[in-house]
Each structure stands twice: as structure tokens, then as C-alpha cells.
PDB file of N, CA and C in Angstrom:
ATOM      1  N   UNK A   1     -31.873  60.732  65.048  1.00  0.00           N
ATOM      2  CA  UNK A   1     -30.608  61.628  64.789  1.00  0.00           C
ATOM      3  C   UNK A   1     -31.776  62.086  63.468  1.00  0.00           C
ATOM      4  N   UNK A   2     -32.835  61.348  62.291  1.00  0.00           N
ATOM      5  CA  UNK A   2     -33.131  61.574  61.204  1.00  0.00           C
ATOM      6  C   UNK A   2     -34.627  63.036  61.593  1.00  0.00           C
ATOM      7  N   UNK A   3     -35.086  62.562  63.224  1.00  0.00           N
ATOM      8  CA  UNK A   3     -36.155  63.461  63.130  1.00  0.00           C
ATOM      9  C   UNK A   3     -35.467  65.064  63.845  1.00  0.00           C
ATOM     10  N   UNK A   4     -34.238  65.476  64.132  1.00  0.00           N
ATOM     11  CA  UNK A   4     -33.826  66.482  64.497  1.00  0.00           C
ATOM     12  C   UNK A   4     -33.262  67.219  63.588  1.00  0.00           C
ATOM     13  N   UNK A   5     -32.824  65.875  62.083  1.00  0.00           N
ATOM     14  CA  UNK A   5     -32.260  66.953  61.198  1.00  0.00           C
ATOM     15  C   UNK A   5     -33.809  67.858  59.994  1.00  0.00           C
ATOM     16  N   UNK A   6     -34.703  66.639  60.104  1.00  0.00           N
ATOM     17  CA  UNK A   6     -35.865  67.071  60.101  1.00  0.00           C
ATOM     18  C   UNK A   6     -36.545  68.390  59.893  1.00  0.00           C
ATOM     19  N   UNK A   7     -36.289  68.313  61.660  1.00  0.00           N
ATOM     20  CA  UNK A   7     -36.685  69.869  61.968  1.00  0.00           C
ATOM     21  C   UNK A   7     -35.696  70.826  62.291  1.00  0.00           C
ATOM     22  N   UNK A   8     -34.655  70.901  61.583  1.00  0.00           N
ATOM     23  CA  UNK A   8     -33.531  71.831  61.661  1.00  0.00           C
ATOM     24  C   UNK A   8     -33.762  71.892  59.687  1.00  0.00           C
ATOM     25  N   UNK A   9     -34.341  71.144  59.290  1.00  0.00           N
ATOM     26  CA  UNK A   9     -34.430  71.355  57.634  1.00  0.00           C
ATOM     27  C   UNK A   9     -35.906  72.272  57.922  1.00  0.00           C
ATOM     28  N   UNK A  10     -37.380  71.826  58.665  1.00  0.00           N
ATOM     29  CA  UNK A  10     -37.787  72.632  58.280  1.00  0.00           C
ATOM     30  C   UNK A  10     -38.177  74.182  58.775  1.00  0.00           C
ATOM     31  N   UNK A  11     -37.137  74.375  59.650  1.00  0.00           N
ATOM     32  CA  UNK A  11     -36.608  75.484  60.807  1.00  0.00           C
ATOM     33  C   UNK A  11     -36.157  76.225  59.517  1.00  0.00           C
ATOM     34  N   UNK A  12     -35.084  75.531  58.765  1.00  0.00           N
ATOM     35  CA  UNK A  12     -34.380  76.295  57.782  1.00  0.00           C
ATOM     36  C   UNK A  12     -35.580  77.190  56.696  1.00  0.00           C
ATOM     37  N   UNK A  13     -36.561  75.972  56.327  1.00  0.00           N
ATOM     38  CA  UNK A  13     -36.978  76.633  55.433  1.00  0.00           C
ATOM     39  C   UNK A  13     -38.362  77.818  55.502  1.00  0.00           C
ATOM     40  N   UNK A  14     -38.170  78.094  56.920  1.00  0.00           N
ATOM     41  CA  UNK A  14     -39.372  79.042  57.151  1.00  0.00           C
ATOM     42  C   UNK A  14     -38.980  80.110  57.164  1.00  0.00           C
ATOM     43  N   UNK A  15     -36.837  80.221  57.440  1.00  0.00           N
ATOM     44  CA  UNK A  15     -36.662  81.341  56.937  1.00  0.00           C
ATOM     45  C   UNK A  15     -36.950  82.429  56.349  1.00  0.00           C
ATOM     46  N   UNK A  16     -37.476  83.530  56.110  1.00  0.00           N
ATOM     47  CA  UNK A  16     -37.541  84.153  54.851  1.00  0.00           C
ATOM     48  C   UNK A  16     -36.392  84.233  54.275  1.00  0.00           C
ATOM     49  N   UNK A  17     -35.996  84.396  53.210  1.00  0.00           N
ATOM     50  CA  UNK A  17     -34.706  84.601  52.261  1.00  0.00           C
ATOM     51  C   UNK A  17     -34.968  86.148  52.195  1.00  0.00           C
ATOM     52  N   UNK A  18     -34.077  86.997  52.675  1.00  0.00           N
ATOM     53  CA  UNK A  18     -33.465  88.215  52.905  1.00  0.00           C
ATOM     54  C   UNK A  18     -33.602  88.953  51.442  1.00  0.00           C
ATOM     55  N   UNK A  19     -32.787  88.360  50.503  1.00  0.00           N
ATOM     56  CA  UNK A  19     -32.705  88.640  49.192  1.00  0.00           C
ATOM     57  C   UNK A  19     -33.694  88.999  48.182  1.00  0.00           C
ATOM     58  N   UNK A  20     -34.533  88.298  48.332  1.00  0.00           N
ATOM     59  CA  UNK A  20     -36.065  88.219  47.696  1.00  0.00           C
ATOM     60  C   UNK A  20     -36.372  90.001  47.929  1.00  0.00           C
ATOM     61  N   UNK A  21     -35.911  90.817  49.194  1.00  0.00           N
ATOM     62  CA  UNK A  21     -36.864  91.907  49.508  1.00  0.00           C
ATOM     63  C   UNK A  21     -35.996  92.879  48.428  1.00  0.00           C
ATOM     64  N   UNK A  22     -34.654  92.879  48.359  1.00  0.00           N
ATOM     65  CA  UNK A  22     -33.836  93.632  47.888  1.00  0.00           C
ATOM     66  C   UNK A  22     -34.516  93.813  46.303  1.00  0.00           C
ATOM     67  N   UNK A  23     -35.083  93.816  45.249  1.00  0.00           N
ATOM     68  CA  UNK A  23     -35.511  94.355  44.112  1.00  0.00           C
ATOM     69  C   UNK A  23     -36.705  94.839  44.881  1.00  0.00           C
ATOM     70  N   UNK A  24     -37.766  94.262  46.134  1.00  0.00           N
ATOM     71  CA  UNK A  24     -38.959  95.388  46.130  1.00  0.00           C
ATOM     72  C   UNK A  24     -38.698  96.258  46.970  1.00  0.00           C
ATOM     73  N   UNK A  25     -37.430  96.695  47.322  1.00  0.00           N
ATOM     74  CA  UNK A  25     -36.832  98.053  48.120  1.00  0.00           C
ATOM     75  C   UNK A  25     -36.159  98.441  47.230  1.00  0.00           C
ATOM     76  N   UNK A  26     -35.217  98.524  45.969  1.00  0.00           N
ATOM     77  CA  UNK A  26     -35.506  98.954  45.444  1.00  0.00           C
ATOM     78  C   UNK A  26     -36.477  99.663  44.108  1.00  0.00           C
ATOM     79  N   UNK A  27     -37.534  98.912  44.022  1.00  0.00           N
ATOM     80  CA  UNK A  27     -38.978  99.010  43.145  1.00  0.00           C
ATOM     81  C   UNK A  27     -39.105 100.940  44.071  1.00  0.00           C
ATOM     82  N   UNK A  28     -39.333 100.482  45.362  1.00  0.00           N
ATOM     83  CA  UNK A  28     -39.770 101.768  46.278  1.00  0.00           C
ATOM     84  C   UNK A  28     -38.626 102.908  46.336  1.00  0.00           C
ATOM     85  N   UNK A  29     -37.937 103.500  45.371  1.00  0.00           N
ATOM     86  CA  UNK A  29     -37.317 104.311  45.683  1.00  0.00           C
ATOM     87  C   UNK A  29     -37.924 105.386  45.125  1.00  0.00           C
ATOM     88  N   UNK A  30     -38.463 106.712  45.654  1.00  0.00           N
ATOM     89  CA  UNK A  30     -39.602 107.692  44.865  1.00  0.00           C
ATOM     90  C   UNK A  30     -39.194 108.436  44.000  1.00  0.00           C
ATOM     91  N   UNK A  31     -40.016 108.428  42.807  1.00  0.00           N
ATOM     92  CA  UNK A  31     -40.054 108.825  41.135  1.00  0.00           C
ATOM     93  C   UNK A  31     -39.602 110.415  41.101  1.00  0.00           C
ATOM     94  N   UNK A  32     -39.032 110.849  42.450  1.00  0.00           N
ATOM     95  CA  UNK A  32     -38.973 112.133  42.136  1.00  0.00           C
ATOM     96  C   UNK A  32     -37.466 112.028  41.274  1.00  0.00           C
ATOM     97  N   UNK A  33     -36.386 110.810  41.665  1.00  0.00           N
ATOM     98  CA  UNK A  33     -34.553 110.269  41.045  1.00  0.00           C
ATOM     99  C   UNK A  33     -35.333 110.271  39.507  1.00  0.00           C
ATOM    100  N   UNK A  34     -36.365 109.739  39.233  1.00  0.00           N
ATOM    101  CA  UNK A  34     -36.608 109.857  37.517  1.00  0.00           C
ATOM    102  C   UNK A  34     -36.098 111.336  36.959  1.00  0.00           C
ATOM    103  N   UNK A  35     -36.395 112.226  37.414  1.00  0.00           N
ATOM    104  CA  UNK A  35     -36.190 113.411  37.356  1.00  0.00           C
ATOM    105  C   UNK A  35     -34.880 114.336  36.731  1.00  0.00           C
ATOM    106  N   UNK A  36     -34.121 113.459  37.064  1.00  0.00           N
ATOM    107  CA  UNK A  36     -32.688 113.937  36.903  1.00  0.00           C
ATOM    108  C   UNK A  36     -32.379 114.032  35.575  1.00  0.00           C
ATOM    109  N   UNK A  37     -31.671 112.639  34.742  1.00  0.00           N
ATOM    110  CA  UNK A  37     -32.335 112.391  33.033  1.00  0.00           C
ATOM    111  C   UNK A  37     -32.547 114.325  32.886  1.00  0.00           C
ATOM    112  N   UNK A  38     -33.526 114.426  32.815  1.00  0.00           N
ATOM    113  CA  UNK A  38     -34.228 115.930  32.547  1.00  0.00           C
ATOM    114  C   UNK A  38     -33.696 117.230  33.463  1.00  0.00           C
ATOM    115  N   UNK A  39     -33.445 116.886  34.427  1.00  0.00           N
ATOM    116  CA  UNK A  39     -33.075 118.295  35.124  1.00  0.00           C
ATOM    117  C   UNK A  39     -31.857 118.267  34.018  1.00  0.00           C
ATOM    118  N   UNK A  40     -30.990 117.582  34.207  1.00  0.00           N
ATOM    119  CA  UNK A  40     -29.505 117.983  33.468  1.00  0.00           C
ATOM    120  C   UNK A  40     -29.941 117.961  32.185  1.00  0.00           C
ATOM    121  N   UNK A  41     -30.607 117.449  31.131  1.00  0.00           N
ATOM    122  CA  UNK A  41     -31.077 118.355  29.756  1.00  0.00           C
ATOM    123  C   UNK A  41     -31.311 119.804  29.814  1.00  0.00           C
ATOM    124  N   UNK A  42     -32.237 119.969  30.632  1.00  0.00           N
ATOM    125  CA  UNK A  42     -32.017 121.957  31.460  1.00  0.00           C
ATOM    126  C   UNK A  42     -31.038 122.166  31.399  1.00  0.00           C
ATOM    127  N   UNK A  43     -30.344 122.257  32.230  1.00  0.00           N
ATOM    128  CA  UNK A  43     -28.778 123.128  32.163  1.00  0.00           C
ATOM    129  C   UNK A  43     -27.946 122.611  31.231  1.00  0.00           C
ATOM    130  N   UNK A  44     -28.145 122.125  29.757  1.00  0.00           N
ATOM    131  CA  UNK A  44     -27.001 122.116  28.695  1.00  0.00           C
ATOM    132  C   UNK A  44     -28.594 123.460  27.767  1.00  0.00           C
ATOM    133  N   UNK A  45     -29.616 122.971  27.805  1.00  0.00           N
ATOM    134  CA  UNK A  45     -30.542 124.348  27.500  1.00  0.00           C
ATOM    135  C   UNK A  45     -30.361 125.491  28.129  1.00  0.00           C
ATOM    136  N   UNK A  46     -30.248 125.981  29.601  1.00  0.00           N
ATOM    137  CA  UNK A  46     -29.482 127.160  30.081  1.00  0.00           C
ATOM    138  C   UNK A  46     -28.173 127.333  29.525  1.00  0.00           C
ATOM    139  N   UNK A  47     -27.380 126.499  29.512  1.00  0.00           N
ATOM    140  CA  UNK A  47     -25.979 127.213  28.672  1.00  0.00           C
ATOM    141  C   UNK A  47     -26.150 127.887  27.309  1.00  0.00           C
ATOM    142  N   UNK A  48     -27.276 127.374  26.851  1.00  0.00           N
ATOM    143  CA  UNK A  48     -27.048 127.454  25.453  1.00  0.00           C
ATOM    144  C   UNK A  48     -28.180 128.656  25.150  1.00  0.00           C
ATOM    145  N   UNK A  49     -28.586 129.259  26.261  1.00  0.00           N
ATOM    146  CA  UNK A  49     -29.333 130.521  26.070  1.00  0.00           C
ATOM    147  C   UNK A  49     -28.921 131.590  27.535  1.00  0.00           C
ATOM    148  N   UNK A  50     -27.118 131.924  27.021  1.00  0.00           N
ATOM    149  CA  UNK A  50     -26.552 132.530  28.148  1.00  0.00           C
ATOM    150  C   UNK A  50     -26.169 133.338  27.007  1.00  0.00           C
ATOM    151  N   UNK A  51     -26.416 135.010  27.924  1.00  0.00           N
ATOM    152  CA  UNK A  51     -26.406 136.049  27.278  1.00  0.00           C
ATOM    153  C   UNK A  51     -25.272 136.390  26.084  1.00  0.00           C
ATOM    154  N   UNK A  52     -25.436 136.688  25.020  1.00  0.00           N
ATOM    155  CA  UNK A  52     -24.190 137.104  24.421  1.00  0.00           C
ATOM    156  C   UNK A  52     -22.941 137.828  24.649  1.00  0.00           C
ATOM    157  N   UNK A  53     -22.959 138.800  25.961  1.00  0.00           N
ATOM    158  CA  UNK A  53     -22.295 139.605  26.134  1.00  0.00           C
ATOM    159  C   UNK A  53     -20.816 138.646  26.676  1.00  0.00           C
ATOM    160  N   UNK A  54     -21.168 137.448  26.771  1.00  0.00           N
ATOM    161  CA  UNK A  54     -19.825 136.740  27.223  1.00  0.00           C
ATOM    162  C   UNK A  54     -19.522 135.980  25.856  1.00  0.00           C
ATOM    163  N   UNK A  55     -19.378 136.800  25.610  1.00  0.00           N
ATOM    164  CA  UNK A  55     -18.591 135.821  23.556  1.00  0.00           C
ATOM    165  C   UNK A  55     -17.698 137.002  23.320  1.00  0.00           C
ATOM    166  N   UNK A  56     -17.875 137.862  24.132  1.00  0.00           N
ATOM    167  CA  UNK A  56     -16.748 138.860  24.167  1.00  0.00           C
ATOM    168  C   UNK A  56     -15.869 138.482  24.970  1.00  0.00           C
ATOM    169  N   UNK A  57     -15.471 137.430  25.940  1.00  0.00           N
ATOM    170  CA  UNK A  57     -14.838 137.795  27.081  1.00  0.00           C
ATOM    171  C   UNK A  57     -13.384 137.287  26.107  1.00  0.00           C
ATOM    172  N   UNK A  58     -12.969 136.166  25.351  1.00  0.00           N
ATOM    173  CA  UNK A  58     -11.544 136.475  24.664  1.00  0.00           C
ATOM    174  C   UNK A  58     -11.149 137.576  24.329  1.00  0.00           C
ATOM    175  N   UNK A  59     -11.951 138.452  23.832  1.00  0.00           N
ATOM    176  CA  UNK A  59     -11.797 139.661  23.184  1.00  0.00           C
ATOM    177  C   UNK A  59     -11.332 140.455  24.418  1.00  0.00           C
ATOM    178  N   UNK A  60     -12.323 140.805  26.010  1.00  0.00           N
ATOM    179  CA  UNK A  60     -11.560 141.304  26.423  1.00  0.00           C
ATOM    180  C   UNK A  60     -10.368 141.096  27.294  1.00  0.00           C
ATOM    181  N   UNK A  61     -10.110 139.767  27.671  1.00  0.00           N
ATOM    182  CA  UNK A  61      -8.807 139.074  27.730  1.00  0.00           C
ATOM    183  C   UNK A  61      -7.609 139.458  26.744  1.00  0.00           C
ATOM    184  N   UNK A  62      -8.040 139.456  25.755  1.00  0.00           N
ATOM    185  CA  UNK A  62      -6.770 140.523  24.558  1.00  0.00           C
ATOM    186  C   UNK A  62      -6.700 141.707  24.950  1.00  0.00           C
ATOM    187  N   UNK A  63      -7.301 142.390  25.085  1.00  0.00           N
ATOM    188  CA  UNK A  63      -7.543 143.681  25.126  1.00  0.00           C
ATOM    189  C   UNK A  63      -6.458 144.400  26.881  1.00  0.00           C
ATOM    190  N   UNK A  64      -6.830 143.283  27.738  1.00  0.00           N
ATOM    191  CA  UNK A  64      -5.886 143.838  28.669  1.00  0.00           C
ATOM    192  C   UNK A  64      -4.581 143.593  28.378  1.00  0.00           C
ATOM    193  N   UNK A  65      -4.222 142.515  27.527  1.00  0.00           N
ATOM    194  CA  UNK A  65      -2.535 142.443  27.163  1.00  0.00           C
ATOM    195  C   UNK A  65      -2.535 143.083  26.332  1.00  0.00           C
ATOM    196  N   UNK A  66      -3.615 143.926  25.584  1.00  0.00           N
ATOM    197  CA  UNK A  66      -2.932 145.200  24.846  1.00  0.00           C
ATOM    198  C   UNK A  66      -2.450 146.443  26.081  1.00  0.00           C
ATOM    199  N   UNK A  67      -3.463 146.523  27.166  1.00  0.00           N
ATOM    200  CA  UNK A  67      -3.512 147.781  27.669  1.00  0.00           C
ATOM    201  C   UNK A  67      -2.290 147.393  28.339  1.00  0.00           C
ATOM    202  N   UNK A  68      -1.691 146.071  28.897  1.00  0.00           N
ATOM    203  CA  UNK A  68      -0.559 146.588  29.213  1.00  0.00           C
ATOM    204  C   UNK A  68       0.889 146.904  28.476  1.00  0.00           C
ATOM    205  N   UNK A  69       0.441 146.287  27.273  1.00  0.00           N
ATOM    206  CA  UNK A  69       1.425 147.182  26.661  1.00  0.00           C
ATOM    207  C   UNK A  69       1.799 148.706  26.420  1.00  0.00           C
ATOM    208  N   UNK A  70       0.791 148.865  26.844  1.00  0.00           N
ATOM    209  CA  UNK A  70       0.674 150.349  26.686  1.00  0.00           C
ATOM    210  C   UNK A  70       1.114 151.285  27.743  1.00  0.00           C
ATOM    211  N   UNK A  71       1.717 150.761  29.000  1.00  0.00           N
ATOM    212  CA  UNK A  71       2.028 151.314  29.979  1.00  0.00           C
ATOM    213  C   UNK A  71       2.420 152.373  29.749  1.00  0.00           C
ATOM    214  N   UNK A  72       2.881 153.292  30.568  1.00  0.00           N
ATOM    215  CA  UNK A  72       3.509 154.686  29.979  1.00  0.00           C
ATOM    216  C   UNK A  72       4.942 154.270  30.500  1.00  0.00           C
ATOM    217  N   UNK A  73       6.409 155.053  30.178  1.00  0.00           N
ATOM    218  CA  UNK A  73       7.608 154.322  30.304  1.00  0.00           C
ATOM    219  C   UNK A  73       8.046 155.109  31.381  1.00  0.00           C
ATOM    220  N   UNK A  74       7.679 155.958  32.269  1.00  0.00           N
ATOM    221  CA  UNK A  74       7.962 156.542  33.687  1.00  0.00           C
ATOM    222  C   UNK A  74       7.865 155.043  34.288  1.00  0.00           C
ATOM    223  N   UNK A  75       6.784 154.328  34.350  1.00  0.00           N
ATOM    224  CA  UNK A  75       6.875 152.857  35.180  1.00  0.00           C
ATOM    225  C   UNK A  75       7.637 151.976  35.032  1.00  0.00           C
ATOM    226  N   UNK A  76       8.439 152.297  33.974  1.00  0.00           N
ATOM    227  CA  UNK A  76       9.875 151.160  33.942  1.00  0.00           C
ATOM    228  C   UNK A  76      10.773 151.510  35.307  1.00  0.00           C
ATOM    229  N   UNK A  77      11.018 152.875  35.533  1.00  0.00           N
ATOM    230  CA  UNK A  77      12.480 152.812  36.125  1.00  0.00           C
ATOM    231  C   UNK A  77      11.739 152.524  38.391  1.00  0.00           C
ATOM    232  N   UNK A  78      10.407 152.022  38.414  1.00  0.00           N
ATOM    233  CA  UNK A  78      10.024 151.674  39.802  1.00  0.00           C
ATOM    234  C   UNK A  78      10.716 150.935  39.962  1.00  0.00           C
ATOM    235  N   UNK A  79      11.495 149.481  39.107  1.00  0.00           N
ATOM    236  CA  UNK A  79      12.192 148.041  39.894  1.00  0.00           C
ATOM    237  C   UNK A  79      13.869 149.426  40.284  1.00  0.00           C
ATOM    238  N   UNK A  80      14.094 150.286  38.971  1.00  0.00           N
ATOM    239  CA  UNK A  80      16.065 150.604  40.230  1.00  0.00           C
ATOM    240  C   UNK A  80      15.461 151.639  41.188  1.00  0.00           C
ATOM    241  N   UNK A  81      14.236 152.005  40.934  1.00  0.00           N
ATOM    242  CA  UNK A  81      14.078 152.867  42.435  1.00  0.00           C
ATOM    243  C   UNK A  81      13.701 151.760  43.460  1.00  0.00           C
ATOM    244  N   UNK A  82      13.375 150.409  44.062  1.00  0.00           N
ATOM    245  CA  UNK A  82      13.055 149.480  44.604  1.00  0.00           C
ATOM    246  C   UNK A  82      14.617 149.456  45.436  1.00  0.00           C
ATOM    247  N   UNK A  83      15.760 148.866  43.940  1.00  0.00           N
ATOM    248  CA  UNK A  83      16.730 148.540  44.540  1.00  0.00           C
ATOM    249  C   UNK A  83      17.878 149.922  45.410  1.00  0.00           C
ATOM    250  N   UNK A  84      17.582 150.634  45.209  1.00  0.00           N
ATOM    251  CA  UNK A  84      18.001 151.947  45.679  1.00  0.00           C
ATOM    252  C   UNK A  84      17.707 151.871  47.266  1.00  0.00           C
ATOM    253  N   UNK A  85      16.450 151.463  47.883  1.00  0.00           N
ATOM    254  CA  UNK A  85      15.515 151.537  49.019  1.00  0.00           C
ATOM    255  C   UNK A  85      16.863 150.413  50.129  1.00  0.00           C
ATOM    256  N   UNK A  86      17.356 150.105  49.960  1.00  0.00           N
ATOM    257  CA  UNK A  86      18.677 149.442  51.035  1.00  0.00           C
ATOM    258  C   UNK A  86      19.730 150.482  50.946  1.00  0.00           C
ATOM    259  N   UNK A  87      20.650 151.131  49.643  1.00  0.00           N
ATOM    260  CA  UNK A  87      21.219 152.233  50.091  1.00  0.00           C
ATOM    261  C   UNK A  87      20.369 153.370  50.494  1.00  0.00           C
ATOM    262  N   UNK A  88      19.179 154.072  50.991  1.00  0.00           N
ATOM    263  CA  UNK A  88      19.200 155.078  51.582  1.00  0.00           C
ATOM    264  C   UNK A  88      18.776 154.302  52.693  1.00  0.00           C
ATOM    265  N   UNK A  89      18.904 153.224  53.138  1.00  0.00           N
ATOM    266  CA  UNK A  89      18.985 152.860  54.920  1.00  0.00           C
ATOM    267  C   UNK A  89      20.054 152.843  55.247  1.00  0.00           C
ATOM    268  N   UNK A  90      20.840 152.854  54.303  1.00  0.00           N
ATOM    269  CA  UNK A  90      22.145 152.688  54.867  1.00  0.00           C
ATOM    270  C   UNK A  90      22.965 154.042  55.261  1.00  0.00           C
ATOM    271  N   UNK A  91      21.976 155.026  54.928  1.00  0.00           N
ATOM    272  CA  UNK A  91      22.332 156.392  54.740  1.00  0.00           C
ATOM    273  C   UNK A  91      21.861 156.971  55.818  1.00  0.00           C
ATOM    274  N   UNK A  92      21.074 156.149  56.754  1.00  0.00           N
ATOM    275  CA  UNK A  92      20.652 156.799  58.390  1.00  0.00           C
ATOM    276  C   UNK A  92      21.856 157.331  58.853  1.00  0.00           C
ATOM    277  N   UNK A  93      21.772 158.553  59.100  1.00  0.00           N
ATOM    278  CA  UNK A  93      22.528 159.460  60.262  1.00  0.00           C
ATOM    279  C   UNK A  93      22.927 158.365  61.542  1.00  0.00           C
ATOM    280  N   UNK A  94      24.594 158.420  61.861  1.00  0.00           N
ATOM    281  CA  UNK A  94      25.101 157.834  62.804  1.00  0.00           C
ATOM    282  C   UNK A  94      24.836 157.978  63.890  1.00  0.00           C
ATOM    283  N   UNK A  95      23.681 159.012  64.249  1.00  0.00           N
ATOM    284  CA  UNK A  95      23.306 159.096  65.883  1.00  0.00           C
ATOM    285  C   UNK A  95      22.342 158.444  65.610  1.00  0.00           C
ATOM    286  N   UNK A  96      21.686 157.457  65.643  1.00  0.00           N
ATOM    287  CA  UNK A  96      20.627 156.145  65.666  1.00  0.00           C
ATOM    288  C   UNK A  96      21.272 155.468  66.003  1.00  0.00           C
ATOM    289  N   UNK A  97      22.860 155.589  66.178  1.00  0.00           N
ATOM    290  CA  UNK A  97      23.527 154.329  66.635  1.00  0.00           C
ATOM    291  C   UNK A  97      23.374 154.058  68.012  1.00  0.00           C
ATOM    292  N   UNK A  98      23.348 155.376  68.877  1.00  0.00           N
ATOM    293  CA  UNK A  98      24.031 155.533  70.401  1.00  0.00           C
ATOM    294  C   UNK A  98      22.525 155.398  70.867  1.00  0.00           C
ATOM    295  N   UNK A  99      21.335 154.739  70.677  1.00  0.00           N
ATOM    296  CA  UNK A  99      20.160 154.484  71.636  1.00  0.00           C
ATOM    297  C   UNK A  99      20.130 153.954  72.333  1.00  0.00           C
ATOM    298  N   UNK A 100      20.411 153.069  72.070  1.00  0.00           N
ATOM    299  CA  UNK A 100      21.290 151.537  72.904  1.00  0.00           C
ATOM    300  C   UNK A 100      21.664 152.235  74.301  1.00  0.00           C
ATOM    301  N   UNK A 101      23.034 152.846  73.932  1.00  0.00           N
ATOM    302  CA  UNK A 101      23.981 153.273  74.998  1.00  0.00           C
ATOM    303  C   UNK A 101      23.175 154.246  75.698  1.00  0.00           C
ATOM    304  N   UNK A 102      22.710 155.650  75.305  1.00  0.00           N
ATOM    305  CA  UNK A 102      22.096 156.051  76.142  1.00  0.00           C
ATOM    306  C   UNK A 102      20.857 156.006  76.690  1.00  0.00           C
ATOM    307  N   UNK A 103      20.014 154.817  76.323  1.00  0.00           N
ATOM    308  CA  UNK A 103      18.998 154.535  77.310  1.00  0.00           C
ATOM    309  C   UNK A 103      19.720 153.433  78.268  1.00  0.00           C
ATOM    310  N   UNK A 104      21.137 152.834  78.399  1.00  0.00           N
ATOM    311  CA  UNK A 104      21.699 152.279  78.900  1.00  0.00           C
ATOM    312  C   UNK A 104      21.979 153.241  80.678  1.00  0.00           C
ATOM    313  N   UNK A 105      22.645 154.480  79.943  1.00  0.00           N
ATOM    314  CA  UNK A 105      23.266 155.423  80.815  1.00  0.00           C
ATOM    315  C   UNK A 105      22.217 155.724  81.550  1.00  0.00           C
ATOM    316  N   UNK A 106      20.485 156.400  80.852  1.00  0.00           N
ATOM    317  CA  UNK A 106      19.969 157.073  81.928  1.00  0.00           C
ATOM    318  C   UNK A 106      19.413 155.552  82.530  1.00  0.00           C
ATOM    319  N   UNK A 107      19.358 154.485  82.500  1.00  0.00           N
ATOM    320  CA  UNK A 107      18.717 153.138  83.646  1.00  0.00           C
ATOM    321  C   UNK A 107      19.741 154.010  84.289  1.00  0.00           C
ATOM    322  N   UNK A 108      21.056 153.472  84.387  1.00  0.00           N
ATOM    323  CA  UNK A 108      22.202 153.170  85.725  1.00  0.00           C
ATOM    324  C   UNK A 108      22.054 154.558  86.208  1.00  0.00           C
ATOM    325  N   UNK A 109      22.380 155.845  85.625  1.00  0.00           N
ATOM    326  CA  UNK A 109      21.910 157.298  86.248  1.00  0.00           C
ATOM    327  C   UNK A 109      20.856 157.265  87.302  1.00  0.00           C
ATOM    328  N   UNK A 110      19.852 156.452  87.136  1.00  0.00           N
ATOM    329  CA  UNK A 110      18.322 156.875  87.799  1.00  0.00           C
ATOM    330  C   UNK A 110      18.604 155.731  89.367  1.00  0.00           C
TER     331      UNK A 110
END
């Protein structure tokens, strides 16, 4: 029995431990990834170098609101005109009500 256990122990000791290779694998990551923090620093620098035209954005948005306040008063009646559309549809002459009847009569006379 002891010789069998000795052989099993010897066989297990000859298996290379897989976890020993993990640090080697991490060490072999390409050096290109080392530049990521530098690239992010360059983004901040780029944002600092934006042209000053963008500084006027809040003023431009304020001007849009001021422009909306200056819409001419003729446009105030648009909602009232839209409310009159159903009334205009109700005033279509009744001659159009007979179209299905007329078509039905033509079909039966053929």
C-alpha cells in the first residue's frame, strides 16, 4: 500500500502548479496599455483648449427664450383657429352624405 501512495505522491509533485503561471501572464500584457492614463490626461488638456466660442452657449440659450417672448401677437390666435376645424368639418354640405347610396344604386342597376 505504501508503494502505491508513494507513486501517487510522486506523480502529484510532478504536476506543474497552474497558479504559478498567472503572474507571468499578467507580466506579458503589452506595454501599449501603459499609455492609458497619459491619453486621459490629454483629453483634459484638449477640453481646456476648446475655442472660446463655446463660452457663449448659455447666453445663446437665454437669447432663444427672449426671442420666444417677442413672437408677434398675430400668432396668439392659432389655437382658436385649430379649435374651429371641427366646426368647419361639420359644415360640409349634406350632398356628400348620399355617396354610399348612389354607388349602391349604380351597382344594382348594372
